């Protein structure tokens, strides 16, 4: 697991700006979606993947714990699958223009639908009531990348928890775009995986200071249960 370290000055700046270190700790679980980014064999399985992150399998237990807690308290889990199609070659040609032909071919092989690389990691606790969504860019919330923002709005979700891989690319870009589309957004510090601690922490700190909240799995599960109990008491 990553060694997450935020300098005291970062937390102090957050409190000065927002009045609290965790502005979204009052989340309503029933309006919260767990957005699991790219936990696929293509990013986790050596010999299959084109961009394997060795830390990614280590966050799977926390992702499963969050999924279970959110389902129990009324929220929903969305499994996001990075996907290549033929349109990517022309509509996202800039990616391929600075990637070697060998790496491009490997990405196509591991991210095309129906391949082993495109499939979700076997250790994930995927349930029938969950929903899978394909994305065609780094961010799941970028216009034209996926239907996720519309799906979340149609189903009444206003808060998203971001987990998956890698922290500083697809997770971070998804989280930033989610915030700018008016979703309350929380990156889960021990539910995201990067190549190393430095890149992981840099992404989380930058996001935390400006775009949203960063919390641990344990903190979020405690919030879910406490807030679900509060909502129940209000309704009774």
Protein backbone atom coordinates (compact mmCIF):
# COMPACT_ATOMS: atom_id res chain seq x y z
CA UNK A 1 0.00 0.00 0.00
CA UNK A 2 1.17 3.54 -0.68
CA UNK A 3 2.72 5.60 2.09
CA UNK A 4 0.43 8.64 2.01
CA UNK A 5 1.92 11.81 3.47
CA UNK A 6 0.33 15.25 3.41
CA UNK A 7 2.46 18.08 4.86
CA UNK A 8 0.76 19.90 7.73
CA UNK A 9 0.74 23.04 5.58
CA UNK A 10 -1.53 21.33 3.05
CA UNK A 11 -4.16 20.51 5.67
CA UNK A 12 -3.87 24.01 7.11
CA UNK A 13 -4.52 25.54 3.68
CA UNK A 14 -7.50 23.24 3.18
CA UNK A 15 -9.06 24.25 6.50
CA UNK A 16 -8.43 27.93 5.81
CA UNK A 17 -10.12 27.66 2.42
CA UNK A 18 -13.06 25.38 3.28
CA UNK A 19 -13.42 25.68 7.05
CA UNK A 20 -12.78 21.95 7.55
CA UNK A 21 -10.30 19.31 6.50
CA UNK A 22 -13.05 17.08 5.02
CA UNK A 23 -15.79 19.19 3.40
CA UNK A 24 -17.70 16.18 2.04
CA UNK A 25 -17.75 14.05 5.17
CA UNK A 26 -21.50 14.76 5.39
CA UNK A 27 -22.13 12.75 2.19
CA UNK A 28 -25.50 11.05 1.79
CA UNK A 29 -24.69 7.38 1.03
CA UNK A 30 -27.90 6.96 -0.96
CA UNK A 31 -26.72 9.69 -3.34
CA UNK A 32 -23.13 8.44 -3.54
CA UNK A 33 -21.52 6.42 -6.32
CA UNK A 34 -18.29 4.44 -6.05
CA UNK A 35 -16.52 4.95 -9.38
CA UNK A 36 -13.90 2.24 -9.89
CA UNK A 37 -11.43 3.31 -12.55
CA UNK A 38 -9.63 0.80 -14.80
CA UNK A 39 -9.06 -2.13 -12.42
CA UNK A 40 -8.66 -4.36 -15.45
CA UNK A 41 -6.18 -7.05 -16.39
CA UNK A 42 -4.65 -4.64 -18.89
CA UNK A 43 -3.33 -2.57 -15.98
CA UNK A 44 -2.81 -5.38 -13.45
CA UNK A 45 -1.71 -8.64 -15.08
CA UNK A 46 1.85 -9.13 -16.29
CA UNK A 47 2.04 -10.82 -19.67
CA UNK A 48 -1.38 -9.44 -20.60
CA UNK A 49 -1.36 -5.77 -19.76
CA UNK A 50 0.18 -2.92 -21.69
CA UNK A 51 0.70 -0.65 -18.65
CA UNK A 52 0.82 -2.74 -15.49
CA UNK A 53 0.72 -0.97 -12.11
CA UNK A 54 2.04 -3.38 -9.49
CA UNK A 55 0.32 -1.47 -6.67
CA UNK A 56 -3.15 -1.89 -8.20
CA UNK A 57 -3.91 -5.41 -6.88
CA UNK A 58 -3.03 -4.21 -3.38
CA UNK A 59 -5.91 -1.71 -3.28
CA UNK A 60 -8.51 -4.29 -4.35
CA UNK A 61 -9.44 -5.32 -0.77
CA UNK A 62 -10.22 -1.69 0.09
CA UNK A 63 -12.23 -1.24 -3.09
CA UNK A 64 -14.28 -4.32 -2.20
CA UNK A 65 -14.81 -3.06 1.36
CA UNK A 66 -16.02 0.31 0.09
CA UNK A 67 -18.31 -1.36 -2.44
CA UNK A 68 -19.89 -3.54 0.24
CA UNK A 69 -20.39 -0.63 2.65
CA UNK A 70 -21.89 1.61 -0.02
CA UNK A 71 -24.31 -1.04 -1.25
CA UNK A 72 -25.37 -1.64 2.37
CA UNK A 73 -26.04 2.06 2.96
CA UNK A 74 -27.95 2.70 -0.26
CA UNK A 75 -25.37 3.79 -2.85
CA UNK A 76 -24.18 2.12 -6.04
CA UNK A 77 -20.96 0.83 -7.58
CA UNK A 78 -19.85 1.64 -11.13
CA UNK A 79 -17.04 -0.37 -12.75
CA UNK A 80 -15.31 1.75 -15.38
CA UNK A 81 -13.47 -0.09 -18.15
CA UNK A 82 -10.91 1.69 -20.25
CA UNK A 83 -11.71 0.71 -23.84
CA UNK A 84 -10.09 0.97 -27.25
CA UNK A 85 -12.11 1.16 -30.45
CA UNK A 86 -11.24 2.12 -34.01
CA UNK A 87 -12.41 5.71 -33.46
CA UNK A 88 -9.58 6.18 -30.95
CA UNK A 89 -7.05 5.95 -33.79
CA UNK A 90 -8.42 9.09 -35.46
CA UNK A 91 -10.32 10.96 -32.74
CA UNK A 92 -7.46 10.56 -30.23
CA UNK A 93 -4.59 10.39 -32.70
CA UNK A 94 -2.41 12.65 -30.57
CA UNK A 95 -1.99 9.80 -28.06
CA UNK A 96 -0.68 7.48 -30.75
CA UNK A 97 1.49 10.17 -32.35
CA UNK A 98 3.89 10.17 -29.40
CA UNK A 99 3.56 6.47 -28.49
CA UNK A 100 5.75 3.87 -30.15
CA UNK A 101 4.03 1.58 -32.68
CA UNK A 102 4.84 -1.38 -30.47
CA UNK A 103 3.21 0.20 -27.42
CA UNK A 104 0.19 1.31 -29.43
CA UNK A 105 -0.30 -2.23 -30.71
CA UNK A 106 -0.01 -3.59 -27.16
CA UNK A 107 -2.59 -1.08 -25.88
CA UNK A 108 -5.02 -2.03 -28.65
CA UNK A 109 -4.49 -5.69 -27.86
CA UNK A 110 -5.14 -5.31 -24.14
CA UNK A 111 -7.89 -2.66 -24.18
CA UNK A 112 -10.20 -3.91 -26.94
CA UNK A 113 -13.55 -5.36 -25.90
CA UNK A 114 -13.58 -9.13 -25.55
CA UNK A 115 -9.89 -9.43 -24.73
CA UNK A 116 -8.45 -10.70 -21.45
CA UNK A 117 -6.84 -7.33 -20.85
CA UNK A 118 -10.14 -5.49 -21.09
CA UNK A 119 -11.78 -7.72 -18.46
CA UNK A 120 -12.08 -6.64 -14.84
CA UNK A 121 -9.60 -8.13 -12.36
CA UNK A 122 -10.87 -11.43 -10.95
CA UNK A 123 -10.43 -10.37 -7.33
CA UNK A 124 -13.03 -7.61 -7.57
CA UNK A 125 -16.36 -8.22 -5.85
CA UNK A 126 -18.65 -7.35 -8.76
CA UNK A 127 -22.36 -7.80 -8.02
CA UNK A 128 -25.40 -7.98 -10.34
CA UNK A 129 -26.78 -4.70 -9.00
CA UNK A 130 -23.60 -2.86 -9.99
CA UNK A 131 -23.16 -1.19 -13.36
CA UNK A 132 -20.29 -1.40 -15.87
CA UNK A 133 -19.45 1.62 -18.03
CA UNK A 134 -16.92 1.80 -20.87
CA UNK A 135 -14.73 4.87 -21.29
CA UNK A 136 -12.65 5.85 -24.30
CA UNK A 137 -10.34 8.51 -22.81
CA UNK A 138 -8.37 8.85 -19.57
CA UNK A 139 -11.23 10.67 -17.81
CA UNK A 140 -14.56 8.93 -17.31
CA UNK A 141 -16.26 12.34 -17.04
CA UNK A 142 -14.88 14.01 -20.16
CA UNK A 143 -17.51 14.80 -22.80
CA UNK A 144 -17.52 12.00 -25.35
CA UNK A 145 -15.51 9.63 -23.18
CA UNK A 146 -18.40 7.81 -21.53
CA UNK A 147 -22.06 8.05 -20.55
CA UNK A 148 -21.20 8.09 -16.85
CA UNK A 149 -22.15 11.71 -15.98
CA UNK A 150 -25.60 11.33 -17.56
CA UNK A 151 -26.13 7.94 -15.89
CA UNK A 152 -25.21 9.32 -12.46
CA UNK A 153 -27.52 12.32 -12.84
CA UNK A 154 -30.42 10.20 -14.10
CA UNK A 155 -30.06 7.93 -11.06
CA UNK A 156 -29.81 10.80 -8.57
CA UNK A 157 -26.15 10.64 -7.53
CA UNK A 158 -24.42 13.89 -6.58
CA UNK A 159 -21.31 12.51 -4.86
CA UNK A 160 -18.59 10.28 -6.31
CA UNK A 161 -15.81 8.30 -4.65
CA UNK A 162 -12.87 7.72 -6.97
CA UNK A 163 -10.77 4.56 -6.69
CA UNK A 164 -8.67 2.56 -9.14
CA UNK A 165 -5.53 3.07 -11.22
CA UNK A 166 -3.47 5.00 -11.87
CA UNK A 167 -3.88 7.74 -9.30
CA UNK A 168 -2.20 10.49 -11.27
CA UNK A 169 -3.71 9.79 -14.70
CA UNK A 170 -7.16 8.24 -15.12
CA UNK A 171 -8.22 8.60 -11.47
CA UNK A 172 -7.06 12.20 -11.16
CA UNK A 173 -8.42 13.33 -14.53
CA UNK A 174 -11.77 11.65 -13.78
CA UNK A 175 -11.93 13.23 -10.33
CA UNK A 176 -11.13 16.73 -11.57
CA UNK A 177 -13.66 16.54 -14.38
CA UNK A 178 -16.29 15.16 -12.00
CA UNK A 179 -15.86 18.17 -9.73
CA UNK A 180 -16.10 20.57 -12.67
CA UNK A 181 -19.33 18.86 -13.71
CA UNK A 182 -20.67 19.72 -10.24
CA UNK A 183 -20.29 16.36 -8.50
CA UNK A 184 -18.95 16.38 -4.94
CA UNK A 185 -15.80 14.34 -5.46
CA UNK A 186 -13.63 12.37 -3.05
CA UNK A 187 -10.44 10.54 -4.01
CA UNK A 188 -9.77 7.54 -1.77
CA UNK A 189 -6.13 7.68 -0.70
CA UNK A 190 -5.80 3.93 -0.05
CA UNK A 191 -8.16 2.93 -2.86
CA UNK A 192 -6.08 4.40 -5.71
CA UNK A 193 -2.81 3.01 -7.03
CA UNK A 194 0.11 4.64 -8.83
CA UNK A 195 3.57 3.63 -9.97
CA UNK A 196 5.20 5.08 -6.85
CA UNK A 197 4.46 7.04 -3.68
CA UNK A 198 5.76 10.32 -5.10
CA UNK A 199 3.33 10.38 -8.03
CA UNK A 200 0.47 9.12 -5.84
CA UNK A 201 0.95 11.81 -3.20
CA UNK A 202 1.53 14.62 -5.69
CA UNK A 203 -1.78 13.88 -7.43
CA UNK A 204 -3.74 13.59 -4.19
CA UNK A 205 -2.31 16.79 -2.74
CA UNK A 206 -3.04 18.83 -5.86
CA UNK A 207 -6.59 17.48 -6.01
CA UNK A 208 -7.21 17.99 -2.27
CA UNK A 209 -6.10 21.61 -2.27
CA UNK A 210 -8.45 22.78 -5.03
CA UNK A 211 -10.83 20.20 -6.46
CA UNK A 212 -12.36 18.13 -3.67
CA UNK A 213 -11.71 15.86 -0.73
CA UNK A 214 -9.29 13.02 0.00
CA UNK A 215 -10.24 10.39 2.58
CA UNK A 216 -9.25 6.85 3.56
CA UNK A 217 -11.37 3.74 3.18
CA UNK A 218 -11.95 3.54 6.93
CA UNK A 219 -12.96 7.21 7.15
CA UNK A 220 -15.45 6.82 4.33
CA UNK A 221 -17.02 3.64 5.67
CA UNK A 222 -17.48 5.34 9.05
CA UNK A 223 -19.13 8.32 7.31
CA UNK A 224 -21.43 6.04 5.31
CA UNK A 225 -22.74 4.22 8.35
CA UNK A 226 -23.04 7.34 10.53
CA UNK A 227 -24.76 9.36 7.82
CA UNK A 228 -27.08 6.51 6.82
CA UNK A 229 -28.18 6.25 10.46
CA UNK A 230 -28.79 10.01 10.53
CA UNK A 231 -30.91 9.85 7.37
CA UNK A 232 -32.92 6.97 8.86
CA UNK A 233 -33.62 8.94 12.05
CA UNK A 234 -34.71 11.97 10.03
CA UNK A 235 -37.13 9.86 8.01
CA UNK A 236 -38.71 8.20 11.05
